[in-house]
N, C-alpha and C. Protein backbone atom coordinates (compact mmCIF):
# COMPACT_ATOMS: atom_id res chain seq x y z
N MET A 1 -7.56 1.03 22.33
CA MET A 1 -6.53 0.34 21.57
C MET A 1 -6.39 -1.09 22.09
N THR A 2 -6.39 -2.04 21.17
CA THR A 2 -6.31 -3.44 21.56
C THR A 2 -4.85 -3.89 21.57
N PHE A 3 -4.14 -3.45 22.61
CA PHE A 3 -2.74 -3.80 22.75
C PHE A 3 -2.55 -4.64 24.00
N GLY A 4 -1.40 -5.29 24.06
CA GLY A 4 -0.99 -5.98 25.27
C GLY A 4 0.31 -5.39 25.77
N HIS A 5 0.73 -5.80 26.96
CA HIS A 5 2.01 -5.33 27.49
C HIS A 5 3.18 -5.94 26.73
N THR A 6 2.97 -7.12 26.16
CA THR A 6 4.04 -7.88 25.51
C THR A 6 3.68 -8.18 24.07
N ILE A 7 4.68 -8.13 23.19
CA ILE A 7 4.47 -8.56 21.82
C ILE A 7 5.43 -9.70 21.48
N LEU A 8 4.98 -10.52 20.55
CA LEU A 8 5.84 -11.53 19.91
C LEU A 8 5.94 -11.12 18.45
N PHE A 9 7.16 -10.84 18.02
CA PHE A 9 7.46 -10.34 16.68
C PHE A 9 8.19 -11.46 15.95
N SER A 10 7.54 -12.07 14.95
CA SER A 10 8.12 -13.25 14.33
C SER A 10 8.02 -13.18 12.81
N GLU A 11 9.15 -13.40 12.13
CA GLU A 11 9.21 -13.41 10.68
C GLU A 11 9.53 -14.81 10.17
N MET A 12 9.08 -15.11 8.97
CA MET A 12 9.48 -16.32 8.27
C MET A 12 9.13 -16.19 6.80
N SER A 13 9.89 -16.90 5.97
CA SER A 13 9.69 -16.85 4.52
C SER A 13 9.45 -18.25 3.99
N PRO A 14 8.29 -18.50 3.41
CA PRO A 14 8.03 -19.82 2.82
C PRO A 14 8.67 -19.92 1.44
N PRO A 15 8.94 -21.15 0.97
CA PRO A 15 9.38 -21.30 -0.42
C PRO A 15 8.23 -20.94 -1.35
N SER A 16 8.56 -20.45 -2.53
CA SER A 16 7.53 -20.00 -3.47
C SER A 16 6.54 -21.11 -3.81
N SER A 17 7.01 -22.36 -3.80
CA SER A 17 6.14 -23.47 -4.16
C SER A 17 5.07 -23.74 -3.12
N LEU A 18 5.27 -23.25 -1.89
CA LEU A 18 4.32 -23.50 -0.81
C LEU A 18 3.67 -22.22 -0.30
N GLU A 19 3.87 -21.10 -1.00
CA GLU A 19 3.43 -19.82 -0.45
C GLU A 19 1.93 -19.76 -0.22
N ASP A 20 1.14 -20.19 -1.18
CA ASP A 20 -0.32 -20.16 -1.01
C ASP A 20 -0.75 -21.07 0.14
N GLN A 21 -0.18 -22.25 0.21
CA GLN A 21 -0.51 -23.17 1.29
C GLN A 21 -0.06 -22.61 2.63
N PHE A 22 1.09 -21.96 2.65
CA PHE A 22 1.61 -21.33 3.86
C PHE A 22 0.63 -20.27 4.38
N ASN A 23 0.14 -19.42 3.49
CA ASN A 23 -0.77 -18.36 3.92
C ASN A 23 -2.08 -18.93 4.45
N THR A 24 -2.60 -19.94 3.79
CA THR A 24 -3.83 -20.57 4.28
C THR A 24 -3.61 -21.20 5.64
N TRP A 25 -2.51 -21.92 5.79
CA TRP A 25 -2.18 -22.55 7.08
C TRP A 25 -2.02 -21.50 8.18
N TYR A 26 -1.32 -20.41 7.88
CA TYR A 26 -1.07 -19.40 8.90
C TYR A 26 -2.38 -18.77 9.37
N ASP A 27 -3.27 -18.49 8.40
CA ASP A 27 -4.53 -17.80 8.73
C ASP A 27 -5.55 -18.71 9.41
N THR A 28 -5.55 -19.99 9.05
CA THR A 28 -6.62 -20.88 9.51
C THR A 28 -6.20 -21.86 10.60
N GLU A 29 -4.90 -22.01 10.81
CA GLU A 29 -4.44 -22.92 11.87
C GLU A 29 -3.47 -22.26 12.83
N HIS A 30 -2.40 -21.69 12.30
CA HIS A 30 -1.32 -21.20 13.16
C HIS A 30 -1.80 -20.09 14.10
N ILE A 31 -2.44 -19.07 13.55
CA ILE A 31 -2.93 -17.98 14.40
C ILE A 31 -4.12 -18.41 15.26
N PRO A 32 -5.15 -19.05 14.71
CA PRO A 32 -6.30 -19.41 15.55
C PRO A 32 -5.92 -20.25 16.78
N LEU A 33 -4.97 -21.15 16.65
CA LEU A 33 -4.56 -21.93 17.81
C LEU A 33 -4.01 -21.03 18.91
N ARG A 34 -3.26 -20.02 18.53
CA ARG A 34 -2.69 -19.10 19.52
C ARG A 34 -3.74 -18.16 20.08
N MET A 35 -4.71 -17.80 19.29
CA MET A 35 -5.76 -16.92 19.79
C MET A 35 -6.65 -17.61 20.83
N ALA A 36 -6.56 -18.93 20.91
CA ALA A 36 -7.29 -19.68 21.94
C ALA A 36 -6.52 -19.81 23.24
N VAL A 37 -5.25 -19.38 23.25
CA VAL A 37 -4.42 -19.48 24.44
C VAL A 37 -4.70 -18.29 25.36
N PRO A 38 -4.96 -18.51 26.65
CA PRO A 38 -5.20 -17.40 27.58
C PRO A 38 -4.05 -16.39 27.56
N GLY A 39 -4.42 -15.12 27.50
CA GLY A 39 -3.43 -14.05 27.51
C GLY A 39 -3.09 -13.52 26.14
N PHE A 40 -3.37 -14.29 25.08
CA PHE A 40 -3.19 -13.78 23.73
C PHE A 40 -4.37 -12.87 23.40
N ILE A 41 -4.10 -11.72 22.79
CA ILE A 41 -5.12 -10.72 22.53
C ILE A 41 -5.45 -10.61 21.05
N SER A 42 -4.43 -10.47 20.21
CA SER A 42 -4.67 -10.33 18.78
C SER A 42 -3.40 -10.67 18.02
N ALA A 43 -3.55 -10.79 16.71
CA ALA A 43 -2.42 -11.04 15.82
C ALA A 43 -2.64 -10.30 14.52
N GLN A 44 -1.59 -9.69 14.03
CA GLN A 44 -1.63 -8.97 12.76
C GLN A 44 -0.49 -9.46 11.88
N ARG A 45 -0.79 -9.77 10.63
CA ARG A 45 0.22 -10.22 9.69
C ARG A 45 0.63 -9.08 8.76
N TYR A 46 1.90 -9.12 8.35
CA TYR A 46 2.46 -8.11 7.46
C TYR A 46 3.35 -8.79 6.43
N LEU A 47 3.62 -8.05 5.34
CA LEU A 47 4.51 -8.53 4.29
C LEU A 47 5.61 -7.49 4.09
N ALA A 48 6.87 -7.95 4.13
CA ALA A 48 8.01 -7.04 3.99
C ALA A 48 8.00 -6.38 2.62
N GLN A 49 8.38 -5.10 2.58
CA GLN A 49 8.37 -4.37 1.33
C GLN A 49 9.61 -4.60 0.48
N ASP A 50 10.68 -5.11 1.09
CA ASP A 50 11.90 -5.37 0.32
C ASP A 50 12.08 -6.84 -0.03
N ASP A 51 11.15 -7.68 0.43
CA ASP A 51 11.23 -9.11 0.15
C ASP A 51 9.80 -9.64 0.17
N GLN A 52 9.23 -9.87 -0.99
CA GLN A 52 7.80 -10.18 -1.08
C GLN A 52 7.43 -11.57 -0.59
N ARG A 53 8.39 -12.32 -0.03
CA ARG A 53 8.03 -13.57 0.60
C ARG A 53 8.41 -13.58 2.09
N ASN A 54 8.82 -12.44 2.63
CA ASN A 54 9.15 -12.37 4.04
C ASN A 54 7.92 -11.88 4.81
N TYR A 55 7.32 -12.78 5.57
CA TYR A 55 6.09 -12.48 6.29
C TYR A 55 6.40 -12.24 7.77
N LEU A 56 5.68 -11.29 8.33
CA LEU A 56 5.79 -10.96 9.75
C LEU A 56 4.44 -11.16 10.42
N ALA A 57 4.45 -11.69 11.64
CA ALA A 57 3.27 -11.71 12.49
C ALA A 57 3.63 -11.04 13.81
N VAL A 58 2.78 -10.13 14.25
CA VAL A 58 2.95 -9.48 15.55
C VAL A 58 1.78 -9.89 16.43
N TYR A 59 2.11 -10.62 17.49
CA TYR A 59 1.10 -11.08 18.45
C TYR A 59 1.09 -10.17 19.66
N GLU A 60 -0.11 -9.76 20.06
CA GLU A 60 -0.29 -8.97 21.28
C GLU A 60 -0.67 -9.91 22.42
N MET A 61 0.05 -9.79 23.54
CA MET A 61 -0.20 -10.63 24.71
C MET A 61 -0.24 -9.78 25.97
N SER A 62 -0.91 -10.28 26.98
CA SER A 62 -0.98 -9.53 28.24
C SER A 62 0.35 -9.57 28.99
N ALA A 63 1.12 -10.65 28.82
CA ALA A 63 2.39 -10.78 29.54
C ALA A 63 3.25 -11.84 28.87
N ARG A 64 4.54 -11.75 29.10
CA ARG A 64 5.45 -12.76 28.57
C ARG A 64 5.14 -14.14 29.12
N GLU A 65 4.64 -14.19 30.34
CA GLU A 65 4.37 -15.48 30.99
C GLU A 65 3.32 -16.31 30.26
N ASN A 66 2.54 -15.67 29.37
CA ASN A 66 1.57 -16.43 28.58
C ASN A 66 2.25 -17.52 27.75
N LEU A 67 3.52 -17.30 27.42
CA LEU A 67 4.26 -18.26 26.61
C LEU A 67 4.77 -19.44 27.43
N GLN A 68 4.57 -19.37 28.76
CA GLN A 68 4.95 -20.50 29.62
C GLN A 68 3.72 -21.25 30.13
N SER A 69 2.54 -20.91 29.63
CA SER A 69 1.32 -21.54 30.14
C SER A 69 1.18 -22.96 29.61
N PRO A 70 0.43 -23.81 30.33
CA PRO A 70 0.18 -25.17 29.84
C PRO A 70 -0.51 -25.18 28.48
N GLU A 71 -1.41 -24.23 28.26
CA GLU A 71 -2.13 -24.19 26.99
C GLU A 71 -1.19 -23.88 25.82
N TYR A 72 -0.27 -22.95 26.06
CA TYR A 72 0.68 -22.64 24.98
C TYR A 72 1.66 -23.79 24.77
N SER A 73 2.01 -24.47 25.82
CA SER A 73 2.91 -25.61 25.70
C SER A 73 2.32 -26.67 24.77
N VAL A 74 1.02 -26.90 24.86
CA VAL A 74 0.37 -27.87 23.97
C VAL A 74 0.47 -27.40 22.52
N VAL A 75 0.17 -26.12 22.29
CA VAL A 75 0.23 -25.56 20.94
C VAL A 75 1.65 -25.66 20.38
N LYS A 76 2.62 -25.33 21.21
CA LYS A 76 4.01 -25.28 20.76
C LYS A 76 4.60 -26.67 20.56
N ASN A 77 4.29 -27.58 21.47
CA ASN A 77 5.00 -28.87 21.50
C ASN A 77 4.22 -30.03 20.89
N GLN A 78 2.98 -29.78 20.48
CA GLN A 78 2.20 -30.84 19.85
C GLN A 78 1.68 -30.35 18.49
N PRO A 79 2.59 -30.04 17.57
CA PRO A 79 2.17 -29.49 16.28
C PRO A 79 1.52 -30.54 15.40
N SER A 80 0.64 -30.10 14.53
CA SER A 80 0.05 -30.99 13.54
C SER A 80 1.09 -31.35 12.49
N ASP A 81 0.78 -32.34 11.67
CA ASP A 81 1.68 -32.70 10.59
C ASP A 81 1.87 -31.54 9.62
N LEU A 82 0.77 -30.81 9.37
CA LEU A 82 0.88 -29.67 8.47
C LEU A 82 1.80 -28.60 9.05
N THR A 83 1.68 -28.34 10.35
CA THR A 83 2.55 -27.37 10.99
C THR A 83 4.01 -27.79 10.88
N LYS A 84 4.28 -29.07 11.11
CA LYS A 84 5.65 -29.56 10.98
C LYS A 84 6.18 -29.33 9.57
N THR A 85 5.33 -29.58 8.58
CA THR A 85 5.74 -29.38 7.19
C THR A 85 6.02 -27.92 6.89
N MET A 86 5.10 -27.05 7.33
CA MET A 86 5.26 -25.63 7.05
C MET A 86 6.48 -25.05 7.75
N LEU A 87 6.62 -25.31 9.03
CA LEU A 87 7.75 -24.75 9.77
C LEU A 87 9.08 -25.35 9.32
N GLY A 88 9.02 -26.58 8.84
CA GLY A 88 10.24 -27.21 8.34
C GLY A 88 10.68 -26.68 6.99
N SER A 89 9.79 -25.95 6.32
CA SER A 89 10.10 -25.46 4.97
C SER A 89 10.53 -24.00 4.94
N VAL A 90 10.29 -23.25 6.02
CA VAL A 90 10.52 -21.81 5.98
C VAL A 90 11.99 -21.47 6.20
N SER A 91 12.34 -20.26 5.80
CA SER A 91 13.67 -19.71 6.05
C SER A 91 13.51 -18.33 6.66
N GLY A 92 14.63 -17.72 7.04
CA GLY A 92 14.59 -16.35 7.57
C GLY A 92 13.81 -16.20 8.85
N PHE A 93 13.80 -17.24 9.68
CA PHE A 93 12.98 -17.23 10.89
C PHE A 93 13.56 -16.28 11.94
N THR A 94 12.71 -15.42 12.49
CA THR A 94 13.09 -14.59 13.64
C THR A 94 11.99 -14.68 14.69
N ARG A 95 12.38 -14.44 15.93
CA ARG A 95 11.41 -14.49 17.03
C ARG A 95 11.90 -13.58 18.15
N TYR A 96 11.21 -12.47 18.36
CA TYR A 96 11.59 -11.51 19.39
C TYR A 96 10.39 -11.24 20.30
N ILE A 97 10.64 -11.29 21.58
CA ILE A 97 9.62 -11.02 22.59
C ILE A 97 9.98 -9.70 23.27
N GLY A 98 9.01 -8.77 23.27
CA GLY A 98 9.28 -7.46 23.83
C GLY A 98 8.23 -7.02 24.83
N ASN A 99 8.70 -6.40 25.92
CA ASN A 99 7.81 -5.80 26.91
C ASN A 99 7.76 -4.29 26.70
N THR A 100 6.58 -3.72 26.84
CA THR A 100 6.37 -2.30 26.53
C THR A 100 7.16 -1.39 27.46
N LEU A 101 7.86 -0.44 26.85
CA LEU A 101 8.52 0.63 27.60
C LEU A 101 7.71 1.91 27.55
N GLY A 102 7.02 2.14 26.45
CA GLY A 102 6.22 3.35 26.31
C GLY A 102 5.58 3.43 24.95
N GLU A 103 4.63 4.35 24.80
CA GLU A 103 3.96 4.56 23.52
C GLU A 103 3.55 6.02 23.41
N GLN A 104 3.59 6.53 22.17
CA GLN A 104 3.23 7.92 21.90
C GLN A 104 2.45 7.96 20.59
N TRP A 105 1.35 8.76 20.57
CA TRP A 105 0.43 8.74 19.44
C TRP A 105 0.05 10.15 19.00
N GLN A 106 -0.35 10.24 17.74
CA GLN A 106 -0.99 11.46 17.27
C GLN A 106 -2.29 11.66 18.04
N ASP A 107 -2.67 12.90 18.28
CA ASP A 107 -3.97 13.19 18.90
C ASP A 107 -5.09 12.65 18.01
N GLY A 108 -6.05 12.00 18.64
CA GLY A 108 -7.22 11.52 17.90
C GLY A 108 -7.07 10.15 17.28
N VAL A 109 -5.91 9.52 17.44
CA VAL A 109 -5.72 8.17 16.90
C VAL A 109 -6.24 7.16 17.91
N ASN A 110 -7.33 6.49 17.57
CA ASN A 110 -7.96 5.57 18.50
C ASN A 110 -7.61 4.10 18.24
N ASP A 111 -7.38 3.77 16.99
CA ASP A 111 -7.07 2.37 16.65
C ASP A 111 -6.01 2.35 15.57
N PRO A 112 -4.74 2.60 15.94
CA PRO A 112 -3.68 2.69 14.94
C PRO A 112 -3.45 1.40 14.18
N LEU A 113 -3.76 0.25 14.79
CA LEU A 113 -3.57 -1.01 14.08
C LEU A 113 -4.48 -1.11 12.87
N SER A 114 -5.63 -0.44 12.93
CA SER A 114 -6.53 -0.42 11.78
C SER A 114 -6.22 0.73 10.83
N GLN A 115 -5.79 1.85 11.38
CA GLN A 115 -5.55 3.04 10.56
C GLN A 115 -4.21 3.01 9.84
N ALA A 116 -3.26 2.26 10.39
CA ALA A 116 -1.91 2.23 9.81
C ALA A 116 -1.80 1.11 8.77
N GLU A 117 -1.48 1.48 7.55
CA GLU A 117 -1.27 0.49 6.50
C GLU A 117 0.13 -0.11 6.56
N TYR A 118 1.05 0.61 7.20
CA TYR A 118 2.45 0.18 7.22
C TYR A 118 3.01 0.16 8.64
N LEU A 119 3.91 -0.76 8.84
CA LEU A 119 4.64 -0.88 10.11
C LEU A 119 6.12 -0.73 9.80
N TYR A 120 6.77 0.13 10.57
CA TYR A 120 8.21 0.38 10.42
C TYR A 120 8.87 -0.04 11.72
N ALA A 121 9.69 -1.07 11.66
CA ALA A 121 10.32 -1.63 12.86
C ALA A 121 11.80 -1.26 12.88
N VAL A 122 12.28 -0.81 14.05
CA VAL A 122 13.68 -0.43 14.21
C VAL A 122 14.24 -1.15 15.44
N PHE A 123 15.27 -1.96 15.22
CA PHE A 123 15.93 -2.69 16.30
C PHE A 123 17.30 -2.07 16.59
N PHE A 124 17.67 -2.08 17.87
CA PHE A 124 19.00 -1.66 18.29
C PHE A 124 19.54 -2.62 19.33
N THR A 125 20.86 -2.72 19.38
CA THR A 125 21.55 -3.40 20.48
C THR A 125 22.34 -2.33 21.22
N VAL A 126 21.79 -1.83 22.30
CA VAL A 126 22.35 -0.70 23.04
C VAL A 126 23.16 -1.23 24.22
N THR A 127 24.32 -0.63 24.47
CA THR A 127 25.12 -1.02 25.62
C THR A 127 24.39 -0.66 26.91
N GLN A 128 24.63 -1.42 27.94
CA GLN A 128 23.93 -1.21 29.21
C GLN A 128 24.13 0.21 29.75
N GLU A 129 25.34 0.73 29.60
CA GLU A 129 25.61 2.05 30.16
C GLU A 129 24.90 3.17 29.40
N ASP A 130 24.43 2.88 28.18
CA ASP A 130 23.76 3.91 27.38
C ASP A 130 22.25 3.72 27.29
N LEU A 131 21.73 2.68 27.90
CA LEU A 131 20.30 2.38 27.76
C LEU A 131 19.41 3.52 28.25
N ALA A 132 19.71 4.06 29.42
CA ALA A 132 18.85 5.10 30.00
C ALA A 132 18.80 6.32 29.09
N GLU A 133 19.96 6.73 28.56
CA GLU A 133 19.96 7.90 27.70
C GLU A 133 19.29 7.58 26.36
N PHE A 134 19.52 6.40 25.82
CA PHE A 134 18.87 6.02 24.57
C PHE A 134 17.35 6.07 24.71
N ASP A 135 16.83 5.49 25.79
CA ASP A 135 15.38 5.49 26.01
C ASP A 135 14.84 6.91 26.17
N ALA A 136 15.59 7.75 26.88
CA ALA A 136 15.15 9.13 27.07
C ALA A 136 15.16 9.88 25.74
N TRP A 137 16.22 9.71 24.95
CA TRP A 137 16.29 10.37 23.64
C TRP A 137 15.13 9.94 22.76
N TYR A 138 14.84 8.66 22.71
CA TYR A 138 13.79 8.18 21.82
C TYR A 138 12.43 8.76 22.21
N ALA A 139 12.15 8.78 23.52
CA ALA A 139 10.84 9.22 24.00
C ALA A 139 10.70 10.74 24.01
N GLN A 140 11.77 11.44 24.35
CA GLN A 140 11.68 12.89 24.57
C GLN A 140 12.07 13.73 23.36
N ASP A 141 12.88 13.15 22.47
CA ASP A 141 13.39 13.92 21.34
C ASP A 141 12.97 13.31 20.00
N HIS A 142 13.24 12.03 19.80
CA HIS A 142 13.07 11.42 18.50
C HIS A 142 11.60 11.30 18.10
N VAL A 143 10.80 10.65 18.93
CA VAL A 143 9.40 10.42 18.56
C VAL A 143 8.60 11.71 18.47
N PRO A 144 8.74 12.65 19.41
CA PRO A 144 7.97 13.90 19.25
C PRO A 144 8.21 14.60 17.92
N VAL A 145 9.43 14.56 17.42
CA VAL A 145 9.70 15.18 16.12
C VAL A 145 9.06 14.37 15.00
N LEU A 146 9.16 13.05 15.06
CA LEU A 146 8.52 12.22 14.04
C LEU A 146 7.02 12.49 13.96
N LEU A 147 6.40 12.72 15.10
CA LEU A 147 4.95 12.94 15.14
C LEU A 147 4.54 14.29 14.55
N GLU A 148 5.51 15.11 14.17
CA GLU A 148 5.19 16.33 13.44
C GLU A 148 4.67 16.00 12.04
N CYS A 149 4.91 14.77 11.58
CA CYS A 149 4.34 14.28 10.32
C CYS A 149 2.99 13.65 10.63
N SER A 150 1.93 14.14 10.01
CA SER A 150 0.58 13.65 10.33
C SER A 150 0.38 12.20 9.92
N ASP A 151 1.18 11.69 8.98
CA ASP A 151 1.07 10.30 8.57
C ASP A 151 1.83 9.34 9.49
N TRP A 152 2.56 9.91 10.44
CA TRP A 152 3.26 9.10 11.45
C TRP A 152 2.30 8.97 12.64
N LEU A 153 1.52 7.90 12.66
CA LEU A 153 0.42 7.80 13.61
C LEU A 153 0.88 7.61 15.04
N GLY A 154 1.98 6.91 15.23
CA GLY A 154 2.44 6.68 16.59
C GLY A 154 3.58 5.69 16.63
N THR A 155 4.12 5.56 17.85
CA THR A 155 5.28 4.70 18.07
C THR A 155 5.13 3.98 19.40
N ARG A 156 5.46 2.70 19.39
CA ARG A 156 5.56 1.91 20.62
C ARG A 156 7.01 1.46 20.78
N ARG A 157 7.50 1.51 22.02
CA ARG A 157 8.88 1.12 22.30
C ARG A 157 8.89 -0.10 23.21
N PHE A 158 9.80 -1.03 22.92
CA PHE A 158 9.86 -2.29 23.66
C PHE A 158 11.28 -2.62 24.12
N GLU A 159 11.34 -3.25 25.27
CA GLU A 159 12.56 -3.91 25.72
C GLU A 159 12.51 -5.35 25.22
N ILE A 160 13.48 -5.76 24.41
CA ILE A 160 13.53 -7.14 23.95
C ILE A 160 14.07 -8.00 25.09
N VAL A 161 13.23 -8.92 25.57
CA VAL A 161 13.61 -9.76 26.71
C VAL A 161 14.03 -11.15 26.27
N ASP A 162 13.76 -11.48 25.02
CA ASP A 162 14.19 -12.77 24.47
C ASP A 162 14.17 -12.63 22.96
N GLY A 163 15.20 -13.12 22.29
CA GLY A 163 15.21 -12.93 20.85
C GLY A 163 16.15 -13.86 20.12
N ASP A 164 15.82 -14.08 18.87
CA ASP A 164 16.61 -14.93 18.00
C ASP A 164 16.37 -14.47 16.56
N PRO A 165 17.40 -14.28 15.72
CA PRO A 165 18.78 -14.71 15.93
C PRO A 165 19.73 -13.62 16.43
N GLN A 166 19.30 -12.35 16.49
CA GLN A 166 20.21 -11.26 16.85
C GLN A 166 20.03 -10.85 18.32
N PRO A 167 21.09 -10.33 18.97
CA PRO A 167 21.01 -9.95 20.38
C PRO A 167 20.47 -8.54 20.60
N PHE A 168 19.38 -8.19 19.89
CA PHE A 168 18.80 -6.86 20.07
C PHE A 168 18.21 -6.73 21.47
N ASN A 169 18.23 -5.50 22.02
CA ASN A 169 17.56 -5.27 23.30
C ASN A 169 16.55 -4.12 23.26
N ARG A 170 16.42 -3.46 22.11
CA ARG A 170 15.44 -2.41 21.95
C ARG A 170 14.75 -2.54 20.59
N LEU A 171 13.44 -2.30 20.60
CA LEU A 171 12.64 -2.32 19.39
C LEU A 171 11.66 -1.16 19.43
N ALA A 172 11.62 -0.39 18.36
CA ALA A 172 10.59 0.64 18.19
C ALA A 172 9.70 0.21 17.03
N VAL A 173 8.41 0.20 17.26
CA VAL A 173 7.44 -0.13 16.22
C VAL A 173 6.67 1.14 15.90
N HIS A 174 6.84 1.59 14.66
CA HIS A 174 6.20 2.83 14.21
C HIS A 174 5.02 2.48 13.30
N TYR A 175 3.91 3.16 13.48
CA TYR A 175 2.70 2.91 12.72
C TYR A 175 2.49 4.06 11.74
N LEU A 176 2.47 3.74 10.44
CA LEU A 176 2.43 4.76 9.39
C LEU A 176 1.20 4.61 8.50
N LYS A 177 0.63 5.73 8.11
CA LYS A 177 -0.45 5.70 7.12
C LYS A 177 0.10 5.33 5.75
N THR A 178 1.29 5.80 5.46
CA THR A 178 1.90 5.61 4.15
C THR A 178 3.41 5.56 4.32
N PRO A 179 4.12 4.82 3.47
CA PRO A 179 5.58 4.79 3.58
C PRO A 179 6.22 6.12 3.23
N LEU A 180 5.45 7.03 2.63
CA LEU A 180 5.99 8.36 2.34
C LEU A 180 6.36 9.11 3.61
N ALA A 181 5.82 8.68 4.75
CA ALA A 181 6.21 9.29 6.03
C ALA A 181 7.70 9.14 6.28
N LEU A 182 8.29 8.08 5.74
CA LEU A 182 9.73 7.86 5.92
C LEU A 182 10.56 8.87 5.15
N GLU A 183 9.95 9.56 4.20
CA GLU A 183 10.65 10.57 3.41
C GLU A 183 10.21 11.99 3.81
N SER A 184 9.52 12.11 4.92
CA SER A 184 8.96 13.39 5.32
C SER A 184 10.02 14.32 5.92
N PRO A 185 9.77 15.63 5.88
CA PRO A 185 10.67 16.57 6.55
C PRO A 185 10.81 16.27 8.04
N ALA A 186 9.75 15.77 8.67
CA ALA A 186 9.82 15.46 10.10
C ALA A 186 10.84 14.37 10.38
N ARG A 187 10.86 13.32 9.55
CA ARG A 187 11.85 12.27 9.77
C ARG A 187 13.26 12.80 9.53
N ALA A 188 13.44 13.59 8.49
CA ALA A 188 14.76 14.17 8.23
C ALA A 188 15.21 15.02 9.42
N LYS A 189 14.29 15.77 9.98
CA LYS A 189 14.61 16.60 11.14
C LYS A 189 14.96 15.74 12.36
N ALA A 190 14.19 14.67 12.55
CA ALA A 190 14.43 13.79 13.70
C ALA A 190 15.79 13.12 13.64
N ARG A 191 16.32 12.96 12.44
CA ARG A 191 17.61 12.29 12.27
C ARG A 191 18.79 13.25 12.31
N THR A 192 18.53 14.52 12.62
CA THR A 192 19.62 15.51 12.65
C THR A 192 19.61 16.37 13.90
N THR A 193 18.93 15.93 14.95
CA THR A 193 18.92 16.72 16.18
C THR A 193 20.26 16.58 16.91
N PRO A 194 20.63 17.56 17.73
CA PRO A 194 21.88 17.47 18.49
C PRO A 194 21.95 16.23 19.39
N TRP A 195 20.82 15.86 19.99
CA TRP A 195 20.83 14.69 20.89
C TRP A 195 21.10 13.42 20.08
N ARG A 196 20.47 13.31 18.91
CA ARG A 196 20.75 12.13 18.08
C ARG A 196 22.19 12.12 17.62
N ASP A 197 22.71 13.28 17.22
CA ASP A 197 24.10 13.35 16.78
C ASP A 197 25.05 12.89 17.88
N LYS A 198 24.72 13.21 19.11
CA LYS A 198 25.55 12.80 20.24
C LYS A 198 25.60 11.27 20.36
N LEU A 199 24.44 10.62 20.17
CA LEU A 199 24.37 9.16 20.28
C LEU A 199 24.89 8.47 19.03
N ALA A 200 24.76 9.10 17.88
CA ALA A 200 25.10 8.45 16.62
C ALA A 200 26.57 8.11 16.49
N VAL A 201 27.44 8.74 17.27
CA VAL A 201 28.87 8.44 17.20
C VAL A 201 29.23 7.19 17.99
N LYS A 202 28.28 6.66 18.77
CA LYS A 202 28.55 5.45 19.55
C LYS A 202 28.70 4.26 18.60
N PRO A 203 29.63 3.35 18.89
CA PRO A 203 29.84 2.20 18.00
C PRO A 203 28.60 1.33 17.83
N TRP A 204 27.72 1.28 18.83
CA TRP A 204 26.54 0.41 18.77
C TRP A 204 25.39 1.04 17.99
N PHE A 205 25.50 2.31 17.63
CA PHE A 205 24.37 3.03 17.02
C PHE A 205 24.23 2.64 15.56
N LYS A 206 23.82 1.41 15.35
CA LYS A 206 23.57 0.90 14.01
C LYS A 206 22.24 0.14 14.05
N GLY A 207 21.19 0.79 13.63
CA GLY A 207 19.87 0.18 13.71
C GLY A 207 19.63 -0.84 12.61
N HIS A 208 18.69 -1.73 12.88
CA HIS A 208 18.22 -2.71 11.88
C HIS A 208 16.80 -2.29 11.53
N TYR A 209 16.58 -1.89 10.28
CA TYR A 209 15.34 -1.24 9.86
C TYR A 209 14.54 -2.13 8.92
N LEU A 210 13.24 -2.25 9.16
CA LEU A 210 12.36 -3.08 8.35
C LEU A 210 11.04 -2.34 8.10
N VAL A 211 10.51 -2.47 6.88
CA VAL A 211 9.23 -1.86 6.53
C VAL A 211 8.29 -2.96 6.04
N PHE A 212 7.09 -2.99 6.61
CA PHE A 212 6.10 -4.01 6.28
C PHE A 212 4.77 -3.34 5.93
N LYS A 213 4.01 -4.01 5.08
CA LYS A 213 2.65 -3.58 4.75
C LYS A 213 1.66 -4.60 5.32
N ASN A 214 0.51 -4.10 5.75
CA ASN A 214 -0.53 -5.00 6.29
C ASN A 214 -0.83 -6.12 5.30
N HIS A 215 -1.01 -7.32 5.86
CA HIS A 215 -1.32 -8.48 5.04
C HIS A 215 -2.32 -9.32 5.83
N ARG A 216 -3.55 -9.36 5.37
CA ARG A 216 -4.63 -10.09 6.00
C ARG A 216 -5.23 -9.29 7.17
N PRO A 217 -6.52 -9.46 7.45
CA PRO A 217 -7.17 -8.80 8.58
C PRO A 217 -6.61 -9.28 9.91
N ARG A 218 -6.66 -8.40 10.89
CA ARG A 218 -6.22 -8.76 12.23
C ARG A 218 -7.17 -9.81 12.83
N GLN A 219 -6.60 -10.77 13.56
CA GLN A 219 -7.39 -11.77 14.25
C GLN A 219 -7.32 -11.53 15.75
N PHE A 220 -8.43 -11.85 16.43
CA PHE A 220 -8.53 -11.59 17.87
C PHE A 220 -8.69 -12.89 18.65
N SER A 221 -8.44 -12.81 19.93
CA SER A 221 -8.59 -13.96 20.80
C SER A 221 -10.05 -14.43 20.83
N LYS A 222 -10.20 -15.70 21.11
CA LYS A 222 -11.54 -16.26 21.18
C LYS A 222 -12.17 -15.90 22.52
N PRO A 223 -13.50 -15.61 22.55
CA PRO A 223 -14.15 -15.25 23.80
C PRO A 223 -14.13 -16.40 24.79
């Protein structure tokens, strides 16, 4: 699996008048520049299912510190005129950096980024006193039940260490063959376990849920 310890999860929506130009710029300039930065591994683009102009890019990196490197500083702080135009035109910008807490997969899944057509992202803002139990519930109770659905290929869990615009501190990224997995008996079961019911009464237990479909082939770091 071509994963890194850290991901950068970033959304943005171009205006309809610039959408084609935005996609070309993202594929041929924005991602390739980052793939040349040491520590960047790959990038995958997605399109939100509830907003056909909300684009997501998930970057795989070896560590958060890659974003403090001199090479990344040049990319970030010396944008081209086209980059200035594109970034100045977008709306709905989000940027979350997450470090891996754990991952769980269906048996036999070797490359979920290629096998999964859909990505289901779930964000939470968990209180400090409940973090340990939340993490244990997700890993020991919630995900194992979800994996009873064969179309639920796997789940990665992240600690959000930096984010904008919301103060989320947990992110689960689920890899699905089809969005029908979200309507499966396994998901219904996972949402009604006694452990989940215990946590669901907490005031903070309000997730932010997003569904995306693959958009464009994955790009990899330059040799």
